[in-house]
Every structure is written in structure tokens, then in C-alpha cells.
Full PDB file with SEQRES, HELIX, SHEET, SSBOND, CRYST1, ORIGX, SCALE, CONECT and MASTER records, all heavy atoms in Angstrom:
SEQRES   1 A   35  SER HIS ILE VAL ASP GLU LYS ILE LYS LYS LEU VAL ALA          
SEQRES   2 A   35  ASP ILE ILE ASP GLY TYR HIS THR ARG PRO ALA PHE LEU          
SEQRES   3 A   35  ASP LYS TYR GLY ILE PRO TYR ARG HIS                          
HELIX    1 AA1 GLU A    6  ASP A   17  1                                  12    
HELIX    2 AA2 PRO A   23  LYS A   28  1                                   6    
CRYST1    1.000    1.000    1.000  90.00  90.00  90.00 P 1           1          
ORIGX1      1.000000  0.000000  0.000000        0.00000                         
ORIGX2      0.000000  1.000000  0.000000        0.00000                         
ORIGX3      0.000000  0.000000  1.000000        0.00000                         
SCALE1      1.000000  0.000000  0.000000        0.00000                         
SCALE2      0.000000  1.000000  0.000000        0.00000                         
SCALE3      0.000000  0.000000  1.000000        0.00000                         
ATOM      1  N   SER A   1       7.593 -14.829   6.429  1.00  0.00           N  
ATOM      2  CA  SER A   1       7.669 -16.144   7.078  1.00  0.00           C  
ATOM      3  C   SER A   1       9.005 -16.828   6.820  1.00  0.00           C  
ATOM      4  O   SER A   1       9.356 -17.791   7.507  1.00  0.00           O  
ATOM      5  CB  SER A   1       6.526 -17.037   6.575  1.00  0.00           C  
ATOM      6  OG  SER A   1       6.666 -17.302   5.189  1.00  0.00           O  
ATOM      7  N   HIS A   2       9.778 -16.332   5.861  1.00  0.00           N  
ATOM      8  CA  HIS A   2      11.085 -16.907   5.547  1.00  0.00           C  
ATOM      9  C   HIS A   2      12.235 -16.097   6.164  1.00  0.00           C  
ATOM     10  O   HIS A   2      13.398 -16.450   5.959  1.00  0.00           O  
ATOM     11  CB  HIS A   2      11.284 -16.961   4.022  1.00  0.00           C  
ATOM     12  CG  HIS A   2      10.328 -17.880   3.326  1.00  0.00           C  
ATOM     13  ND1 HIS A   2      10.602 -19.212   3.096  1.00  0.00           N  
ATOM     14  CD2 HIS A   2       9.088 -17.655   2.810  1.00  0.00           C  
ATOM     15  CE1 HIS A   2       9.582 -19.763   2.456  1.00  0.00           C  
ATOM     16  NE2 HIS A   2       8.652 -18.841   2.274  1.00  0.00           N  
ATOM     17  N   ILE A   3      11.937 -15.026   6.886  1.00  0.00           N  
ATOM     18  CA  ILE A   3      12.965 -14.124   7.411  1.00  0.00           C  
ATOM     19  C   ILE A   3      12.991 -14.215   8.930  1.00  0.00           C  
ATOM     20  O   ILE A   3      11.937 -14.178   9.582  1.00  0.00           O  
ATOM     21  CB  ILE A   3      12.698 -12.668   6.961  1.00  0.00           C  
ATOM     22  CG1 ILE A   3      12.671 -12.580   5.425  1.00  0.00           C  
ATOM     23  CG2 ILE A   3      13.755 -11.727   7.519  1.00  0.00           C  
ATOM     24  CD1 ILE A   3      12.231 -11.234   4.892  1.00  0.00           C  
ATOM     25  N   VAL A   4      14.194 -14.302   9.500  1.00  0.00           N  
ATOM     26  CA  VAL A   4      14.347 -14.405  10.954  1.00  0.00           C  
ATOM     27  C   VAL A   4      14.483 -13.031  11.595  1.00  0.00           C  
ATOM     28  O   VAL A   4      13.806 -12.732  12.591  1.00  0.00           O  
ATOM     29  CB  VAL A   4      15.577 -15.278  11.302  1.00  0.00           C  
ATOM     30  CG1 VAL A   4      15.830 -15.274  12.805  1.00  0.00           C  
ATOM     31  CG2 VAL A   4      15.372 -16.705  10.800  1.00  0.00           C  
ATOM     32  N   ASP A   5      15.340 -12.178  11.059  1.00  0.00           N  
ATOM     33  CA  ASP A   5      15.639 -10.874  11.663  1.00  0.00           C  
ATOM     34  C   ASP A   5      14.423  -9.940  11.594  1.00  0.00           C  
ATOM     35  O   ASP A   5      13.860  -9.706  10.523  1.00  0.00           O  
ATOM     36  CB  ASP A   5      16.832 -10.236  10.948  1.00  0.00           C  
ATOM     37  CG  ASP A   5      17.386  -9.036  11.698  1.00  0.00           C  
ATOM     38  OD1 ASP A   5      16.758  -7.967  11.635  1.00  0.00           O  
ATOM     39  OD2 ASP A   5      18.442  -9.168  12.341  1.00  0.00           O  
ATOM     40  N   GLU A   6      14.033  -9.393  12.754  1.00  0.00           N  
ATOM     41  CA  GLU A   6      12.847  -8.532  12.822  1.00  0.00           C  
ATOM     42  C   GLU A   6      13.045  -7.215  12.078  1.00  0.00           C  
ATOM     43  O   GLU A   6      12.099  -6.660  11.525  1.00  0.00           O  
ATOM     44  CB  GLU A   6      12.493  -8.255  14.285  1.00  0.00           C  
ATOM     45  CG  GLU A   6      12.006  -9.466  15.057  1.00  0.00           C  
ATOM     46  CD  GLU A   6      10.706 -10.037  14.477  1.00  0.00           C  
ATOM     47  OE1 GLU A   6       9.891  -9.237  13.972  1.00  0.00           O  
ATOM     48  OE2 GLU A   6      10.524 -11.265  14.516  1.00  0.00           O  
ATOM     49  N   LYS A   7      14.261  -6.691  12.056  1.00  0.00           N  
ATOM     50  CA  LYS A   7      14.512  -5.423  11.369  1.00  0.00           C  
ATOM     51  C   LYS A   7      14.364  -5.584   9.850  1.00  0.00           C  
ATOM     52  O   LYS A   7      13.846  -4.693   9.174  1.00  0.00           O  
ATOM     53  CB  LYS A   7      15.909  -4.896  11.714  1.00  0.00           C  
ATOM     54  CG  LYS A   7      16.056  -4.412  13.148  1.00  0.00           C  
ATOM     55  CD  LYS A   7      17.448  -3.838  13.368  1.00  0.00           C  
ATOM     56  CE  LYS A   7      17.614  -3.320  14.790  1.00  0.00           C  
ATOM     57  NZ  LYS A   7      18.984  -2.776  15.011  1.00  0.00           N  
ATOM     58  N   ILE A   8      14.833  -6.719   9.332  1.00  0.00           N  
ATOM     59  CA  ILE A   8      14.669  -6.972   7.897  1.00  0.00           C  
ATOM     60  C   ILE A   8      13.190  -7.160   7.570  1.00  0.00           C  
ATOM     61  O   ILE A   8      12.702  -6.685   6.537  1.00  0.00           O  
ATOM     62  CB  ILE A   8      15.499  -8.193   7.456  1.00  0.00           C  
ATOM     63  CG1 ILE A   8      16.993  -7.943   7.695  1.00  0.00           C  
ATOM     64  CG2 ILE A   8      15.250  -8.511   5.981  1.00  0.00           C  
ATOM     65  CD1 ILE A   8      17.886  -9.102   7.300  1.00  0.00           C  
ATOM     66  N   LYS A   9      12.466  -7.840   8.465  1.00  0.00           N  
ATOM     67  CA  LYS A   9      11.017  -7.984   8.272  1.00  0.00           C  
ATOM     68  C   LYS A   9      10.346  -6.618   8.187  1.00  0.00           C  
ATOM     69  O   LYS A   9       9.483  -6.385   7.329  1.00  0.00           O  
ATOM     70  CB  LYS A   9      10.403  -8.780   9.422  1.00  0.00           C  
ATOM     71  CG  LYS A   9      10.655 -10.268   9.394  1.00  0.00           C  
ATOM     72  CD  LYS A   9       9.907 -10.935  10.537  1.00  0.00           C  
ATOM     73  CE  LYS A   9      10.136 -12.432  10.547  1.00  0.00           C  
ATOM     74  NZ  LYS A   9       9.398 -13.107  11.645  1.00  0.00           N  
ATOM     75  N   LYS A  10      10.733  -5.716   9.090  1.00  0.00           N  
ATOM     76  CA  LYS A  10      10.128  -4.387   9.109  1.00  0.00           C  
ATOM     77  C   LYS A  10      10.447  -3.617   7.826  1.00  0.00           C  
ATOM     78  O   LYS A  10       9.581  -2.935   7.263  1.00  0.00           O  
ATOM     79  CB  LYS A  10      10.616  -3.591  10.316  1.00  0.00           C  
ATOM     80  CG  LYS A  10       9.986  -2.197  10.445  1.00  0.00           C  
ATOM     81  CD  LYS A  10      10.517  -1.458  11.659  1.00  0.00           C  
ATOM     82  CE  LYS A  10       9.850  -0.081  11.778  1.00  0.00           C  
ATOM     83  NZ  LYS A  10      10.068   0.766  10.595  1.00  0.00           N  
ATOM     84  N   LEU A  11      11.685  -3.744   7.352  1.00  0.00           N  
ATOM     85  CA  LEU A  11      12.068  -3.060   6.113  1.00  0.00           C  
ATOM     86  C   LEU A  11      11.263  -3.586   4.927  1.00  0.00           C  
ATOM     87  O   LEU A  11      10.770  -2.805   4.110  1.00  0.00           O  
ATOM     88  CB  LEU A  11      13.567  -3.247   5.855  1.00  0.00           C  
ATOM     89  CG  LEU A  11      14.105  -2.640   4.551  1.00  0.00           C  
ATOM     90  CD1 LEU A  11      13.888  -1.132   4.529  1.00  0.00           C  
ATOM     91  CD2 LEU A  11      15.577  -2.975   4.370  1.00  0.00           C  
ATOM     92  N   VAL A  12      11.107  -4.910   4.854  1.00  0.00           N  
ATOM     93  CA  VAL A  12      10.310  -5.504   3.777  1.00  0.00           C  
ATOM     94  C   VAL A  12       8.863  -5.020   3.854  1.00  0.00           C  
ATOM     95  O   VAL A  12       8.257  -4.655   2.835  1.00  0.00           O  
ATOM     96  CB  VAL A  12      10.375  -7.044   3.844  1.00  0.00           C  
ATOM     97  CG1 VAL A  12       9.352  -7.675   2.897  1.00  0.00           C  
ATOM     98  CG2 VAL A  12      11.778  -7.539   3.497  1.00  0.00           C  
ATOM     99  N   ALA A  13       8.323  -4.979   5.068  1.00  0.00           N  
ATOM    100  CA  ALA A  13       6.938  -4.505   5.243  1.00  0.00           C  
ATOM    101  C   ALA A  13       6.803  -3.038   4.850  1.00  0.00           C  
ATOM    102  O   ALA A  13       5.801  -2.638   4.235  1.00  0.00           O  
ATOM    103  CB  ALA A  13       6.502  -4.719   6.690  1.00  0.00           C  
ATOM    104  N   ASP A  14       7.802  -2.219   5.194  1.00  0.00           N  
ATOM    105  CA  ASP A  14       7.762  -0.795   4.824  1.00  0.00           C  
ATOM    106  C   ASP A  14       7.801  -0.617   3.307  1.00  0.00           C  
ATOM    107  O   ASP A  14       7.114   0.266   2.754  1.00  0.00           O  
ATOM    108  CB  ASP A  14       8.934  -0.050   5.462  1.00  0.00           C  
ATOM    109  CG  ASP A  14       8.772   0.121   6.968  1.00  0.00           C  
ATOM    110  OD1 ASP A  14       7.631  -0.027   7.448  1.00  0.00           O  
ATOM    111  OD2 ASP A  14       9.780   0.397   7.642  1.00  0.00           O  
ATOM    112  N   ILE A  15       8.606  -1.437   2.622  1.00  0.00           N  
ATOM    113  CA  ILE A  15       8.685  -1.349   1.160  1.00  0.00           C  
ATOM    114  C   ILE A  15       7.344  -1.742   0.534  1.00  0.00           C  
ATOM    115  O   ILE A  15       6.851  -1.084  -0.390  1.00  0.00           O  
ATOM    116  CB  ILE A  15       9.818  -2.241   0.629  1.00  0.00           C  
ATOM    117  CG1 ILE A  15      11.183  -1.667   1.043  1.00  0.00           C  
ATOM    118  CG2 ILE A  15       9.749  -2.371  -0.893  1.00  0.00           C  
ATOM    119  CD1 ILE A  15      12.355  -2.559   0.719  1.00  0.00           C  
ATOM    120  N   ILE A  16       6.741  -2.812   1.049  1.00  0.00           N  
ATOM    121  CA  ILE A  16       5.451  -3.264   0.503  1.00  0.00           C  
ATOM    122  C   ILE A  16       4.360  -2.232   0.762  1.00  0.00           C  
ATOM    123  O   ILE A  16       3.560  -1.912  -0.133  1.00  0.00           O  
ATOM    124  CB  ILE A  16       5.069  -4.630   1.106  1.00  0.00           C  
ATOM    125  CG1 ILE A  16       6.052  -5.703   0.640  1.00  0.00           C  
ATOM    126  CG2 ILE A  16       3.636  -5.005   0.719  1.00  0.00           C  
ATOM    127  CD1 ILE A  16       5.875  -7.052   1.321  1.00  0.00           C  
ATOM    128  N   ASP A  17       4.315  -1.690   1.989  1.00  0.00           N  
ATOM    129  CA  ASP A  17       3.273  -0.720   2.347  1.00  0.00           C  
ATOM    130  C   ASP A  17       3.555   0.686   1.825  1.00  0.00           C  
ATOM    131  O   ASP A  17       2.734   1.589   2.011  1.00  0.00           O  
ATOM    132  CB  ASP A  17       3.115  -0.657   3.873  1.00  0.00           C  
ATOM    133  CG  ASP A  17       2.478  -1.924   4.430  1.00  0.00           C  
ATOM    134  OD1 ASP A  17       1.713  -2.568   3.686  1.00  0.00           O  
ATOM    135  OD2 ASP A  17       2.763  -2.267   5.600  1.00  0.00           O  
ATOM    136  N   GLY A  18       4.700   0.862   1.167  1.00  0.00           N  
ATOM    137  CA  GLY A  18       5.043   2.191   0.662  1.00  0.00           C  
ATOM    138  C   GLY A  18       4.310   2.575  -0.614  1.00  0.00           C  
ATOM    139  O   GLY A  18       4.439   3.702  -1.084  1.00  0.00           O  
ATOM    140  N   TYR A  19       3.554   1.621  -1.175  1.00  0.00           N  
ATOM    141  CA  TYR A  19       2.814   1.914  -2.413  1.00  0.00           C  
ATOM    142  C   TYR A  19       1.447   1.252  -2.351  1.00  0.00           C  
ATOM    143  O   TYR A  19       1.312   0.105  -1.898  1.00  0.00           O  
ATOM    144  CB  TYR A  19       3.573   1.401  -3.634  1.00  0.00           C  
ATOM    145  CG  TYR A  19       2.788   1.505  -4.919  1.00  0.00           C  
ATOM    146  CD1 TYR A  19       2.699   2.707  -5.610  1.00  0.00           C  
ATOM    147  CD2 TYR A  19       2.100   0.394  -5.427  1.00  0.00           C  
ATOM    148  CE1 TYR A  19       1.962   2.807  -6.777  1.00  0.00           C  
ATOM    149  CE2 TYR A  19       1.364   0.491  -6.591  1.00  0.00           C  
ATOM    150  CZ  TYR A  19       1.299   1.702  -7.265  1.00  0.00           C  
ATOM    151  OH  TYR A  19       0.563   1.795  -8.414  1.00  0.00           O  
ATOM    152  N   HIS A  20       0.422   1.974  -2.787  1.00  0.00           N  
ATOM    153  CA  HIS A  20      -0.942   1.449  -2.849  1.00  0.00           C  
ATOM    154  C   HIS A  20      -1.543   1.787  -4.219  1.00  0.00           C  
ATOM    155  O   HIS A  20      -1.450   2.935  -4.670  1.00  0.00           O  
ATOM    156  CB  HIS A  20      -1.824   2.052  -1.749  1.00  0.00           C  
ATOM    157  CG  HIS A  20      -1.388   1.701  -0.359  1.00  0.00           C  
ATOM    158  ND1 HIS A  20      -1.937   0.657   0.362  1.00  0.00           N  
ATOM    159  CD2 HIS A  20      -0.441   2.249   0.440  1.00  0.00           C  
ATOM    160  CE1 HIS A  20      -1.362   0.588   1.546  1.00  0.00           C  
ATOM    161  NE2 HIS A  20      -0.448   1.544   1.617  1.00  0.00           N  
ATOM    162  N   THR A  21      -2.163   0.802  -4.848  1.00  0.00           N  
ATOM    163  CA  THR A  21      -2.856   1.054  -6.110  1.00  0.00           C  
ATOM    164  C   THR A  21      -4.039   1.990  -5.882  1.00  0.00           C  
ATOM    165  O   THR A  21      -4.758   1.864  -4.883  1.00  0.00           O  
ATOM    166  CB  THR A  21      -3.354  -0.265  -6.719  1.00  0.00           C  
ATOM    167  OG1 THR A  21      -2.243  -1.155  -6.867  1.00  0.00           O  
ATOM    168  CG2 THR A  21      -3.991  -0.038  -8.082  1.00  0.00           C  
ATOM    169  N   ARG A  22      -4.246   2.904  -6.808  1.00  0.00           N  
ATOM    170  CA  ARG A  22      -5.320   3.886  -6.675  1.00  0.00           C  
ATOM    171  C   ARG A  22      -6.697   3.208  -6.634  1.00  0.00           C  
ATOM    172  O   ARG A  22      -6.950   2.266  -7.390  1.00  0.00           O  
ATOM    173  CB  ARG A  22      -5.276   4.871  -7.842  1.00  0.00           C  
ATOM    174  CG  ARG A  22      -4.054   5.759  -7.869  1.00  0.00           C  
ATOM    175  CD  ARG A  22      -4.055   6.676  -9.075  1.00  0.00           C  
ATOM    176  NE  ARG A  22      -3.902   5.966 -10.330  1.00  0.00           N  
ATOM    177  CZ  ARG A  22      -4.867   5.753 -11.204  1.00  0.00           C  
ATOM    178  NH1 ARG A  22      -6.095   6.186 -10.958  1.00  0.00           N  
ATOM    179  NH2 ARG A  22      -4.629   5.106 -12.335  1.00  0.00           N  
ATOM    180  N   PRO A  23      -7.604   3.688  -5.768  1.00  0.00           N  
ATOM    181  CA  PRO A  23      -8.958   3.102  -5.703  1.00  0.00           C  
ATOM    182  C   PRO A  23      -9.682   3.118  -7.044  1.00  0.00           C  
ATOM    183  O   PRO A  23     -10.386   2.160  -7.383  1.00  0.00           O  
ATOM    184  CB  PRO A  23      -9.667   3.989  -4.670  1.00  0.00           C  
ATOM    185  CG  PRO A  23      -8.579   4.558  -3.827  1.00  0.00           C  
ATOM    186  CD  PRO A  23      -7.412   4.734  -4.742  1.00  0.00           C  
ATOM    187  N   ALA A  24      -9.526   4.204  -7.816  1.00  0.00           N  
ATOM    188  CA  ALA A  24     -10.218   4.301  -9.100  1.00  0.00           C  
ATOM    189  C   ALA A  24      -9.778   3.183 -10.047  1.00  0.00           C  
ATOM    190  O   ALA A  24     -10.595   2.649 -10.812  1.00  0.00           O  
ATOM    191  CB  ALA A  24      -9.944   5.671  -9.733  1.00  0.00           C  
ATOM    192  N   PHE A  25      -8.501   2.825 -10.010  1.00  0.00           N  
ATOM    193  CA  PHE A  25      -7.989   1.756 -10.873  1.00  0.00           C  
ATOM    194  C   PHE A  25      -8.606   0.413 -10.473  1.00  0.00           C  
ATOM    195  O   PHE A  25      -9.037  -0.357 -11.334  1.00  0.00           O  
ATOM    196  CB  PHE A  25      -6.466   1.693 -10.766  1.00  0.00           C  
ATOM    197  CG  PHE A  25      -5.821   0.675 -11.656  1.00  0.00           C  
ATOM    198  CD1 PHE A  25      -5.412   1.004 -12.933  1.00  0.00           C  
ATOM    199  CD2 PHE A  25      -5.625  -0.631 -11.227  1.00  0.00           C  
ATOM    200  CE1 PHE A  25      -4.822   0.065 -13.766  1.00  0.00           C  
ATOM    201  CE2 PHE A  25      -5.043  -1.584 -12.046  1.00  0.00           C  
ATOM    202  CZ  PHE A  25      -4.638  -1.228 -13.318  1.00  0.00           C  
ATOM    203  N   LEU A  26      -8.664   0.127  -9.173  1.00  0.00           N  
ATOM    204  CA  LEU A  26      -9.232  -1.138  -8.706  1.00  0.00           C  
ATOM    205  C   LEU A  26     -10.730  -1.205  -8.974  1.00  0.00           C  
ATOM    206  O   LEU A  26     -11.263  -2.266  -9.331  1.00  0.00           O  
ATOM    207  CB  LEU A  26      -8.945  -1.308  -7.211  1.00  0.00           C  
ATOM    208  CG  LEU A  26      -7.459  -1.387  -6.822  1.00  0.00           C  
ATOM    209  CD1 LEU A  26      -7.309  -1.424  -5.310  1.00  0.00           C  
ATOM    210  CD2 LEU A  26      -6.795  -2.613  -7.445  1.00  0.00           C  
ATOM    211  N   ASP A  27     -11.420  -0.083  -8.818  1.00  0.00           N  
ATOM    212  CA  ASP A  27     -12.862  -0.045  -9.115  1.00  0.00           C  
ATOM    213  C   ASP A  27     -13.124  -0.341 -10.591  1.00  0.00           C  
ATOM    214  O   ASP A  27     -14.114  -0.990 -10.941  1.00  0.00           O  
ATOM    215  CB  ASP A  27     -13.441   1.327  -8.748  1.00  0.00           C  
ATOM    216  CG  ASP A  27     -13.518   1.539  -7.240  1.00  0.00           C  
ATOM    217  OD1 ASP A  27     -13.586   0.535  -6.509  1.00  0.00           O  
ATOM    218  OD2 ASP A  27     -13.501   2.706  -6.803  1.00  0.00           O  
ATOM    219  N   LYS A  28     -12.253   0.145 -11.446  1.00  0.00           N  
ATOM    220  CA  LYS A  28     -12.433  -0.036 -12.893  1.00  0.00           C  
ATOM    221  C   LYS A  28     -12.457  -1.509 -13.274  1.00  0.00           C  
ATOM    222  O   LYS A  28     -13.213  -1.922 -14.167  1.00  0.00           O  
ATOM    223  CB  LYS A  28     -11.298   0.687 -13.630  1.00  0.00           C  
ATOM    224  CG  LYS A  28     -11.363   0.566 -15.142  1.00  0.00           C  
ATOM    225  CD  LYS A  28     -10.209   1.309 -15.798  1.00  0.00           C  
ATOM    226  CE  LYS A  28     -10.240   1.148 -17.323  1.00  0.00           C  
ATOM    227  NZ  LYS A  28      -9.083   1.861 -17.952  1.00  0.00           N  
ATOM    228  N   TYR A  29     -11.653  -2.327 -12.596  1.00  0.00           N  
ATOM    229  CA  TYR A  29     -11.558  -3.745 -12.935  1.00  0.00           C  
ATOM    230  C   TYR A  29     -12.289  -4.645 -11.931  1.00  0.00           C  
ATOM    231  O   TYR A  29     -12.150  -5.872 -11.988  1.00  0.00           O  
ATOM    232  CB  TYR A  29     -10.089  -4.162 -13.035  1.00  0.00           C  
ATOM    233  CG  TYR A  29      -9.370  -3.477 -14.168  1.00  0.00           C  
ATOM    234  CD1 TYR A  29      -8.593  -2.343 -13.957  1.00  0.00           C  
ATOM    235  CD2 TYR A  29      -9.499  -3.945 -15.473  1.00  0.00           C  
ATOM    236  CE1 TYR A  29      -7.943  -1.706 -15.003  1.00  0.00           C  
ATOM    237  CE2 TYR A  29      -8.860  -3.317 -16.522  1.00  0.00           C  
ATOM    238  CZ  TYR A  29      -8.084  -2.202 -16.281  1.00  0.00           C  
ATOM    239  OH  TYR A  29      -7.448  -1.567 -17.331  1.00  0.00           O  
ATOM    240  N   GLY A  30     -13.036  -4.033 -11.014  1.00  0.00           N  
ATOM    241  CA  GLY A  30     -13.834  -4.814 -10.074  1.00  0.00           C  
ATOM    242  C   GLY A  30     -13.020  -5.592  -9.062  1.00  0.00           C  
ATOM    243  O   GLY A  30     -13.433  -6.678  -8.628  1.00  0.00           O  
ATOM    244  N   ILE A  31     -11.856  -5.071  -8.682  1.00  0.00           N  
ATOM    245  CA  ILE A  31     -10.994  -5.741  -7.702  1.00  0.00           C  
ATOM    246  C   ILE A  31     -11.323  -5.208  -6.311  1.00  0.00           C  
ATOM    247  O   ILE A  31     -11.247  -3.999  -6.078  1.00  0.00           O  
ATOM    248  CB  ILE A  31      -9.508  -5.499  -8.033  1.00  0.00           C  
ATOM    249  CG1 ILE A  31      -9.187  -6.034  -9.439  1.00  0.00           C  
ATOM    250  CG2 ILE A  31      -8.606  -6.149  -6.995  1.00  0.00           C  
ATOM    251  CD1 ILE A  31      -7.804  -5.659  -9.937  1.00  0.00           C  
ATOM    252  N   PRO A  32     -11.707  -6.067  -5.370  1.00  0.00           N  
ATOM    253  CA  PRO A  32     -12.056  -5.586  -4.021  1.00  0.00           C  
ATOM    254  C   PRO A  32     -10.829  -5.083  -3.264  1.00  0.00           C  
ATOM    255  O   PRO A  32      -9.707  -5.547  -3.482  1.00  0.00           O  
ATOM    256  CB  PRO A  32     -12.649  -6.828  -3.346  1.00  0.00           C  
ATOM    257  CG  PRO A  32     -12.021  -7.984  -4.061  1.00  0.00           C  
ATOM    258  CD  PRO A  32     -11.827  -7.528  -5.486  1.00  0.00           C  
ATOM    259  N   TYR A  33     -11.048  -4.138  -2.353  1.00  0.00           N  
ATOM    260  CA  TYR A  33      -9.957  -3.587  -1.553  1.00  0.00           C  
ATOM    261  C   TYR A  33     -10.535  -2.993  -0.274  1.00  0.00           C  
ATOM    262  O   TYR A  33     -11.743  -2.774  -0.161  1.00  0.00           O  
ATOM    263  CB  TYR A  33      -9.190  -2.514  -2.341  1.00  0.00           C  
ATOM    264  CG  TYR A  33     -10.035  -1.327  -2.768  1.00  0.00           C  
ATOM    265  CD1 TYR A  33     -10.124  -0.182  -1.969  1.00  0.00           C  
ATOM    266  CD2 TYR A  33     -10.754  -1.340  -3.964  1.00  0.00           C  
ATOM    267  CE1 TYR A  33     -10.903   0.898  -2.353  1.00  0.00           C  
ATOM    268  CE2 TYR A  33     -11.529  -0.264  -4.360  1.00  0.00           C  
ATOM    269  CZ  TYR A  33     -11.596   0.851  -3.548  1.00  0.00           C  
ATOM    270  OH  TYR A  33     -12.362   1.924  -3.916  1.00  0.00           O  
ATOM    271  N   ARG A  34      -9.667  -2.732   0.697  1.00  0.00           N  
ATOM    272  CA  ARG A  34     -10.109  -2.111   1.942  1.00  0.00           C  
ATOM    273  C   ARG A  34     -10.275  -0.608   1.718  1.00  0.00           C  
ATOM    274  O   ARG A  34      -9.445   0.028   1.056  1.00  0.00           O  
ATOM    275  CB  ARG A  34      -9.102  -2.374   3.059  1.00  0.00           C  
ATOM    276  CG  ARG A  34      -7.811  -1.612   2.935  1.00  0.00           C  
ATOM    277  CD  ARG A  34      -6.825  -1.955   4.028  1.00  0.00           C  
ATOM    278  NE  ARG A  34      -5.668  -1.060   3.979  1.00  0.00           N  
ATOM    279  CZ  ARG A  34      -4.512  -1.335   4.541  1.00  0.00           C  
ATOM    280  NH1 ARG A  34      -4.345  -2.478   5.195  1.00  0.00           N  
ATOM    281  NH2 ARG A  34      -3.509  -0.473   4.468  1.00  0.00           N  
ATOM    282  N   HIS A  35     -11.318  -0.043   2.261  1.00  0.00           N  
ATOM    283  CA  HIS A  35     -11.622   1.371   2.051  1.00  0.00           C  
ATOM    284  C   HIS A  35     -11.011   2.196   3.189  1.00  0.00           C  
ATOM    285  O   HIS A  35     -11.576   2.329   4.270  1.00  0.00           O  
ATOM    286  CB  HIS A  35     -13.133   1.590   1.964  1.00  0.00           C  
ATOM    287  CG  HIS A  35     -13.751   0.936   0.768  1.00  0.00           C  
ATOM    288  ND1 HIS A  35     -13.905   1.579  -0.436  1.00  0.00           N  
ATOM    289  CD2 HIS A  35     -14.222  -0.327   0.579  1.00  0.00           C  
ATOM    290  CE1 HIS A  35     -14.462   0.758  -1.311  1.00  0.00           C  
ATOM    291  NE2 HIS A  35     -14.665  -0.405  -0.722  1.00  0.00           N  
TER     292      HIS A  35                                                      
MASTER        0    0    0    2    0    0    0    6  291    1    0    3          
END                                                                             
């Protein structure tokens, strides 16, 4: 929401979506997530 350029937005989104916490780790601490 603070970035104007669409290409920079896409790069930021790719960096964020490039890693996901393991389901087993989230289950261990009772943190909800999309399956």
C-alpha cells in the first residue's frame, strides 16, 4: 500500500510468497493457516 510501481510490488510479493512455514510447526503451536 506504500509502493507505487507495480513491478516493485510484484517483487515484494514474490519475496514474501517465496517462503512458507511448515504445517507441522504451525500445528504444534496451534496457529491457524490455509490448507
